[in-house]
Amino acid sequence: MKKNMGSTDKIVRLIVAAVLVILFYTGKLTGTLGIIALAVAGIFALTSLVSFCPLYSIFGINTCPAKK
């Protein structure tokens, strides 16, 4: 897997994941919507940690800075 995520993108995804988890555990997101939010948070956290987003590769997006 070639990295296709820059550091800003990773930080934003981790913040969004943290907010979704907090909303779930404080009871603001419940039921099916809460489960979906946790799944999205998990996907965001995982893709941030590995610096690779499969959807980015499908659409040809690369936020990783160019290597020289």
PDB file of N, CA and C in Angstrom:
ATOM      1  N   MET A   1       0.831  -1.182   0.000  1.00  0.00           N
ATOM      2  CA  MET A   1       0.000   0.000   0.000  1.00  0.00           C
ATOM      3  C   MET A   1       0.876   1.247   0.000  1.00  0.00           C
ATOM      4  N   LYS A   2       0.640   2.088  -0.951  1.00  0.00           N
ATOM      5  CA  LYS A   2       1.358   3.348  -1.029  1.00  0.00           C
ATOM      6  C   LYS A   2       0.596   4.387  -0.209  1.00  0.00           C
ATOM      7  N   LYS A   3       1.298   5.138   0.609  1.00  0.00           N
ATOM      8  CA  LYS A   3       0.652   6.143   1.445  1.00  0.00           C
ATOM      9  C   LYS A   3       0.017   7.221   0.566  1.00  0.00           C
ATOM     10  N   ASN A   4      -1.219   7.604   0.914  1.00  0.00           N
ATOM     11  CA  ASN A   4      -1.895   8.640   0.146  1.00  0.00           C
ATOM     12  C   ASN A   4      -2.586   9.678   1.047  1.00  0.00           C
ATOM     13  N   MET A   5      -2.158   9.754   2.309  1.00  0.00           N
ATOM     14  CA  MET A   5      -2.745  10.710   3.240  1.00  0.00           C
ATOM     15  C   MET A   5      -1.656  11.565   3.872  1.00  0.00           C
ATOM     16  N   GLY A   6      -1.877  12.870   3.878  1.00  0.00           N
ATOM     17  CA  GLY A   6      -0.960  13.802   4.505  1.00  0.00           C
ATOM     18  C   GLY A   6      -1.238  13.922   5.994  1.00  0.00           C
ATOM     19  N   SER A   7      -0.358  14.629   6.695  1.00  0.00           N
ATOM     20  CA  SER A   7      -0.490  14.731   8.143  1.00  0.00           C
ATOM     21  C   SER A   7      -1.732  15.516   8.561  1.00  0.00           C
ATOM     22  N   THR A   8      -2.083  16.558   7.830  1.00  0.00           N
ATOM     23  CA  THR A   8      -3.288  17.326   8.170  1.00  0.00           C
ATOM     24  C   THR A   8      -4.531  16.455   8.036  1.00  0.00           C
ATOM     25  N   ASP A   9      -4.588  15.682   6.995  1.00  0.00           N
ATOM     26  CA  ASP A   9      -5.714  14.779   6.765  1.00  0.00           C
ATOM     27  C   ASP A   9      -5.826  13.757   7.898  1.00  0.00           C
ATOM     28  N   LYS A  10      -4.689  13.210   8.323  1.00  0.00           N
ATOM     29  CA  LYS A  10      -4.696  12.230   9.405  1.00  0.00           C
ATOM     30  C   LYS A  10      -5.174  12.840  10.713  1.00  0.00           C
ATOM     31  N   ILE A  11      -4.725  14.056  11.006  1.00  0.00           N
ATOM     32  CA  ILE A  11      -5.119  14.722  12.252  1.00  0.00           C
ATOM     33  C   ILE A  11      -6.622  15.013  12.259  1.00  0.00           C
ATOM     34  N   VAL A  12      -7.132  15.500  11.143  1.00  0.00           N
ATOM     35  CA  VAL A  12      -8.570  15.797  11.054  1.00  0.00           C
ATOM     36  C   VAL A  12      -9.387  14.519  11.247  1.00  0.00           C
ATOM     37  N   ARG A  13      -8.968  13.435  10.627  1.00  0.00           N
ATOM     38  CA  ARG A  13      -9.688  12.165  10.772  1.00  0.00           C
ATOM     39  C   ARG A  13      -9.655  11.661  12.209  1.00  0.00           C
ATOM     40  N   LEU A  14      -8.521  11.792  12.880  1.00  0.00           N
ATOM     41  CA  LEU A  14      -8.436  11.342  14.268  1.00  0.00           C
ATOM     42  C   LEU A  14      -9.316  12.198  15.179  1.00  0.00           C
ATOM     43  N   ILE A  15      -9.389  13.486  14.917  1.00  0.00           N
ATOM     44  CA  ILE A  15     -10.249  14.364  15.719  1.00  0.00           C
ATOM     45  C   ILE A  15     -11.720  14.004  15.504  1.00  0.00           C
ATOM     46  N   VAL A  16     -12.110  13.792  14.255  1.00  0.00           N
ATOM     47  CA  VAL A  16     -13.493  13.409  13.961  1.00  0.00           C
ATOM     48  C   VAL A  16     -13.822  12.070  14.620  1.00  0.00           C
ATOM     49  N   ALA A  17     -12.898  11.126  14.573  1.00  0.00           N
ATOM     50  CA  ALA A  17     -13.117   9.829  15.198  1.00  0.00           C
ATOM     51  C   ALA A  17     -13.298   9.983  16.713  1.00  0.00           C
ATOM     52  N   ALA A  18     -12.464  10.808  17.331  1.00  0.00           N
ATOM     53  CA  ALA A  18     -12.569  11.028  18.775  1.00  0.00           C
ATOM     54  C   ALA A  18     -13.910  11.672  19.135  1.00  0.00           C
ATOM     55  N   VAL A  19     -14.346  12.644  18.346  1.00  0.00           N
ATOM     56  CA  VAL A  19     -15.629  13.311  18.610  1.00  0.00           C
ATOM     57  C   VAL A  19     -16.778  12.311  18.488  1.00  0.00           C
ATOM     58  N   LEU A  20     -16.753  11.463  17.473  1.00  0.00           N
ATOM     59  CA  LEU A  20     -17.815  10.471  17.303  1.00  0.00           C
ATOM     60  C   LEU A  20     -17.862   9.491  18.467  1.00  0.00           C
ATOM     61  N   VAL A  21     -16.699   9.051  18.932  1.00  0.00           N
ATOM     62  CA  VAL A  21     -16.652   8.127  20.067  1.00  0.00           C
ATOM     63  C   VAL A  21     -17.175   8.809  21.335  1.00  0.00           C
ATOM     64  N   ILE A  22     -16.781  10.049  21.551  1.00  0.00           N
ATOM     65  CA  ILE A  22     -17.256  10.788  22.721  1.00  0.00           C
ATOM     66  C   ILE A  22     -18.770  10.975  22.672  1.00  0.00           C
ATOM     67  N   LEU A  23     -19.299  11.326  21.492  1.00  0.00           N
ATOM     68  CA  LEU A  23     -20.743  11.491  21.349  1.00  0.00           C
ATOM     69  C   LEU A  23     -21.489  10.188  21.632  1.00  0.00           C
ATOM     70  N   PHE A  24     -20.910   9.073  21.231  1.00  0.00           N
ATOM     71  CA  PHE A  24     -21.551   7.783  21.481  1.00  0.00           C
ATOM     72  C   PHE A  24     -21.554   7.459  22.968  1.00  0.00           C
ATOM     73  N   TYR A  25     -20.409   7.608  23.630  1.00  0.00           N
ATOM     74  CA  TYR A  25     -20.307   7.223  25.035  1.00  0.00           C
ATOM     75  C   TYR A  25     -20.969   8.208  25.995  1.00  0.00           C
ATOM     76  N   THR A  26     -21.285   9.417  25.541  1.00  0.00           N
ATOM     77  CA  THR A  26     -22.038  10.344  26.382  1.00  0.00           C
ATOM     78  C   THR A  26     -23.539  10.218  26.142  1.00  0.00           C
ATOM     79  N   GLY A  27     -23.942   9.385  25.215  1.00  0.00           N
ATOM     80  CA  GLY A  27     -25.351   9.137  24.967  1.00  0.00           C
ATOM     81  C   GLY A  27     -25.993  10.080  23.964  1.00  0.00           C
ATOM     82  N   LYS A  28     -25.224  10.911  23.310  1.00  0.00           N
ATOM     83  CA  LYS A  28     -25.776  11.827  22.304  1.00  0.00           C
ATOM     84  C   LYS A  28     -26.130  11.091  21.021  1.00  0.00           C
ATOM     85  N   LEU A  29     -25.375  10.057  20.690  1.00  0.00           N
ATOM     86  CA  LEU A  29     -25.668   9.205  19.528  1.00  0.00           C
ATOM     87  C   LEU A  29     -26.013   7.814  20.056  1.00  0.00           C
ATOM     88  N   THR A  30     -27.224   7.361  19.778  1.00  0.00           N
ATOM     89  CA  THR A  30     -27.649   6.061  20.280  1.00  0.00           C
ATOM     90  C   THR A  30     -28.239   5.232  19.146  1.00  0.00           C
ATOM     91  N   GLY A  31     -28.497   4.000  19.436  1.00  0.00           N
ATOM     92  CA  GLY A  31     -29.145   3.102  18.477  1.00  0.00           C
ATOM     93  C   GLY A  31     -28.303   2.849  17.240  1.00  0.00           C
ATOM     94  N   THR A  32     -28.985   2.720  16.130  1.00  0.00           N
ATOM     95  CA  THR A  32     -28.323   2.417  14.861  1.00  0.00           C
ATOM     96  C   THR A  32     -27.356   3.524  14.468  1.00  0.00           C
ATOM     97  N   LEU A  33     -27.763   4.770  14.660  1.00  0.00           N
ATOM     98  CA  LEU A  33     -26.884   5.893  14.326  1.00  0.00           C
ATOM     99  C   LEU A  33     -25.600   5.852  15.160  1.00  0.00           C
ATOM    100  N   GLY A  34     -25.711   5.456  16.407  1.00  0.00           N
ATOM    101  CA  GLY A  34     -24.536   5.343  17.266  1.00  0.00           C
ATOM    102  C   GLY A  34     -23.586   4.254  16.798  1.00  0.00           C
ATOM    103  N   ILE A  35     -24.131   3.128  16.390  1.00  0.00           N
ATOM    104  CA  ILE A  35     -23.303   2.019  15.888  1.00  0.00           C
ATOM    105  C   ILE A  35     -22.606   2.435  14.600  1.00  0.00           C
ATOM    106  N   ILE A  36     -23.321   3.120  13.716  1.00  0.00           N
ATOM    107  CA  ILE A  36     -22.716   3.597  12.473  1.00  0.00           C
ATOM    108  C   ILE A  36     -21.609   4.601  12.774  1.00  0.00           C
ATOM    109  N   ALA A  37     -21.845   5.481  13.746  1.00  0.00           N
ATOM    110  CA  ALA A  37     -20.829   6.465  14.133  1.00  0.00           C
ATOM    111  C   ALA A  37     -19.577   5.775  14.654  1.00  0.00           C
ATOM    112  N   LEU A  38     -19.735   4.726  15.455  1.00  0.00           N
ATOM    113  CA  LEU A  38     -18.573   3.985  15.950  1.00  0.00           C
ATOM    114  C   LEU A  38     -17.825   3.297  14.815  1.00  0.00           C
ATOM    115  N   ALA A  39     -18.549   2.763  13.857  1.00  0.00           N
ATOM    116  CA  ALA A  39     -17.905   2.112  12.711  1.00  0.00           C
ATOM    117  C   ALA A  39     -17.111   3.135  11.904  1.00  0.00           C
ATOM    118  N   VAL A  40     -17.702   4.299  11.659  1.00  0.00           N
ATOM    119  CA  VAL A  40     -17.009   5.353  10.922  1.00  0.00           C
ATOM    120  C   VAL A  40     -15.779   5.814  11.697  1.00  0.00           C
ATOM    121  N   ALA A  41     -15.913   5.964  13.009  1.00  0.00           N
ATOM    122  CA  ALA A  41     -14.776   6.366  13.847  1.00  0.00           C
ATOM    123  C   ALA A  41     -13.652   5.342  13.758  1.00  0.00           C
ATOM    124  N   GLY A  42     -14.002   4.072  13.784  1.00  0.00           N
ATOM    125  CA  GLY A  42     -12.992   3.020  13.670  1.00  0.00           C
ATOM    126  C   GLY A  42     -12.285   3.045  12.323  1.00  0.00           C
ATOM    127  N   ILE A  43     -13.039   3.246  11.271  1.00  0.00           N
ATOM    128  CA  ILE A  43     -12.450   3.319   9.927  1.00  0.00           C
ATOM    129  C   ILE A  43     -11.543   4.534   9.812  1.00  0.00           C
ATOM    130  N   PHE A  44     -12.005   5.689  10.317  1.00  0.00           N
ATOM    131  CA  PHE A  44     -11.179   6.893  10.277  1.00  0.00           C
ATOM    132  C   PHE A  44      -9.890   6.700  11.063  1.00  0.00           C
ATOM    133  N   ALA A  45      -9.971   6.101  12.245  1.00  0.00           N
ATOM    134  CA  ALA A  45      -8.781   5.888  13.057  1.00  0.00           C
ATOM    135  C   ALA A  45      -7.814   4.921  12.364  1.00  0.00           C
ATOM    136  N   LEU A  46      -8.339   3.846  11.819  1.00  0.00           N
ATOM    137  CA  LEU A  46      -7.487   2.860  11.147  1.00  0.00           C
ATOM    138  C   LEU A  46      -6.795   3.443   9.925  1.00  0.00           C
ATOM    139  N   THR A  47      -7.542   4.152   9.094  1.00  0.00           N
ATOM    140  CA  THR A  47      -6.930   4.729   7.895  1.00  0.00           C
ATOM    141  C   THR A  47      -5.907   5.806   8.269  1.00  0.00           C
ATOM    142  N   SER A  48      -6.128   6.502   9.366  1.00  0.00           N
ATOM    143  CA  SER A  48      -5.150   7.505   9.811  1.00  0.00           C
ATOM    144  C   SER A  48      -3.859   6.843  10.274  1.00  0.00           C
ATOM    145  N   LEU A  49      -3.982   5.740  10.974  1.00  0.00           N
ATOM    146  CA  LEU A  49      -2.797   5.068  11.493  1.00  0.00           C
ATOM    147  C   LEU A  49      -1.946   4.434  10.404  1.00  0.00           C
ATOM    148  N   VAL A  50      -2.584   3.962   9.327  1.00  0.00           N
ATOM    149  CA  VAL A  50      -1.820   3.330   8.245  1.00  0.00           C
ATOM    150  C   VAL A  50      -1.519   4.294   7.101  1.00  0.00           C
ATOM    151  N   SER A  51      -2.035   5.522   7.183  1.00  0.00           N
ATOM    152  CA  SER A  51      -1.811   6.572   6.168  1.00  0.00           C
ATOM    153  C   SER A  51      -2.271   6.169   4.780  1.00  0.00           C
ATOM    154  N   PHE A  52      -3.305   5.367   4.718  1.00  0.00           N
ATOM    155  CA  PHE A  52      -3.826   4.917   3.429  1.00  0.00           C
ATOM    156  C   PHE A  52      -5.346   4.891   3.475  1.00  0.00           C
ATOM    157  N   CYS A  53      -5.977   5.510   2.480  1.00  0.00           N
ATOM    158  CA  CYS A  53      -7.432   5.503   2.359  1.00  0.00           C
ATOM    159  C   CYS A  53      -7.795   4.839   1.031  1.00  0.00           C
ATOM    160  N   PRO A  54      -8.498   3.710   1.074  1.00  0.00           N
ATOM    161  CA  PRO A  54      -8.875   3.031  -0.161  1.00  0.00           C
ATOM    162  C   PRO A  54      -9.728   3.895  -1.095  1.00  0.00           C
ATOM    163  N   LEU A  55     -10.606   4.718  -0.541  1.00  0.00           N
ATOM    164  CA  LEU A  55     -11.429   5.585  -1.394  1.00  0.00           C
ATOM    165  C   LEU A  55     -10.587   6.619  -2.121  1.00  0.00           C
ATOM    166  N   TYR A  56      -9.535   7.100  -1.465  1.00  0.00           N
ATOM    167  CA  TYR A  56      -8.640   8.052  -2.129  1.00  0.00           C
ATOM    168  C   TYR A  56      -7.996   7.407  -3.355  1.00  0.00           C
ATOM    169  N   SER A  57      -7.585   6.156  -3.231  1.00  0.00           N
ATOM    170  CA  SER A  57      -6.935   5.497  -4.375  1.00  0.00           C
ATOM    171  C   SER A  57      -7.928   5.262  -5.507  1.00  0.00           C
ATOM    172  N   ILE A  58      -9.179   4.980  -5.180  1.00  0.00           N
ATOM    173  CA  ILE A  58     -10.193   4.780  -6.218  1.00  0.00           C
ATOM    174  C   ILE A  58     -10.430   6.065  -7.000  1.00  0.00           C
ATOM    175  N   PHE A  59     -10.503   7.196  -6.273  1.00  0.00           N
ATOM    176  CA  PHE A  59     -10.782   8.479  -6.914  1.00  0.00           C
ATOM    177  C   PHE A  59      -9.519   9.239  -7.325  1.00  0.00           C
ATOM    178  N   GLY A  60      -8.351   8.675  -7.084  1.00  0.00           N
ATOM    179  CA  GLY A  60      -7.100   9.298  -7.507  1.00  0.00           C
ATOM    180  C   GLY A  60      -6.682  10.490  -6.663  1.00  0.00           C
ATOM    181  N   ILE A  61      -7.101  10.522  -5.406  1.00  0.00           N
ATOM    182  CA  ILE A  61      -6.755  11.622  -4.503  1.00  0.00           C
ATOM    183  C   ILE A  61      -5.499  11.249  -3.728  1.00  0.00           C
ATOM    184  N   ASN A  62      -4.616  12.219  -3.565  1.00  0.00           N
ATOM    185  CA  ASN A  62      -3.392  11.998  -2.787  1.00  0.00           C
ATOM    186  C   ASN A  62      -3.079  13.282  -2.027  1.00  0.00           C
ATOM    187  N   THR A  63      -3.201  13.253  -0.699  1.00  0.00           N
ATOM    188  CA  THR A  63      -2.909  14.422   0.118  1.00  0.00           C
ATOM    189  C   THR A  63      -1.529  14.328   0.761  1.00  0.00           C
ATOM    190  N   CYS A  64      -0.818  13.268   0.458  1.00  0.00           N
ATOM    191  CA  CYS A  64       0.534  13.086   0.973  1.00  0.00           C
ATOM    192  C   CYS A  64       1.490  14.005   0.195  1.00  0.00           C
ATOM    193  N   PRO A  65       2.378  14.713   0.909  1.00  0.00           N
ATOM    194  CA  PRO A  65       3.308  15.597   0.192  1.00  0.00           C
ATOM    195  C   PRO A  65       4.215  14.809  -0.744  1.00  0.00           C
ATOM    196  N   ALA A  66       4.596  15.438  -1.836  1.00  0.00           N
ATOM    197  CA  ALA A  66       5.439  14.790  -2.838  1.00  0.00           C
ATOM    198  C   ALA A  66       6.821  14.487  -2.272  1.00  0.00           C
ATOM    199  N   LYS A  67       7.326  13.315  -2.583  1.00  0.00           N
ATOM    200  CA  LYS A  67       8.669  12.919  -2.149  1.00  0.00           C
ATOM    201  C   LYS A  67       9.674  13.270  -3.233  1.00  0.00           C
ATOM    202  N   LYS A  68      10.828  13.776  -2.795  1.00  0.00           N
ATOM    203  CA  LYS A  68      11.885  14.132  -3.777  1.00  0.00           C
ATOM    204  C   LYS A  68      13.040  13.193  -3.670  1.00  0.00           C
TER     205      LYS A  68
END
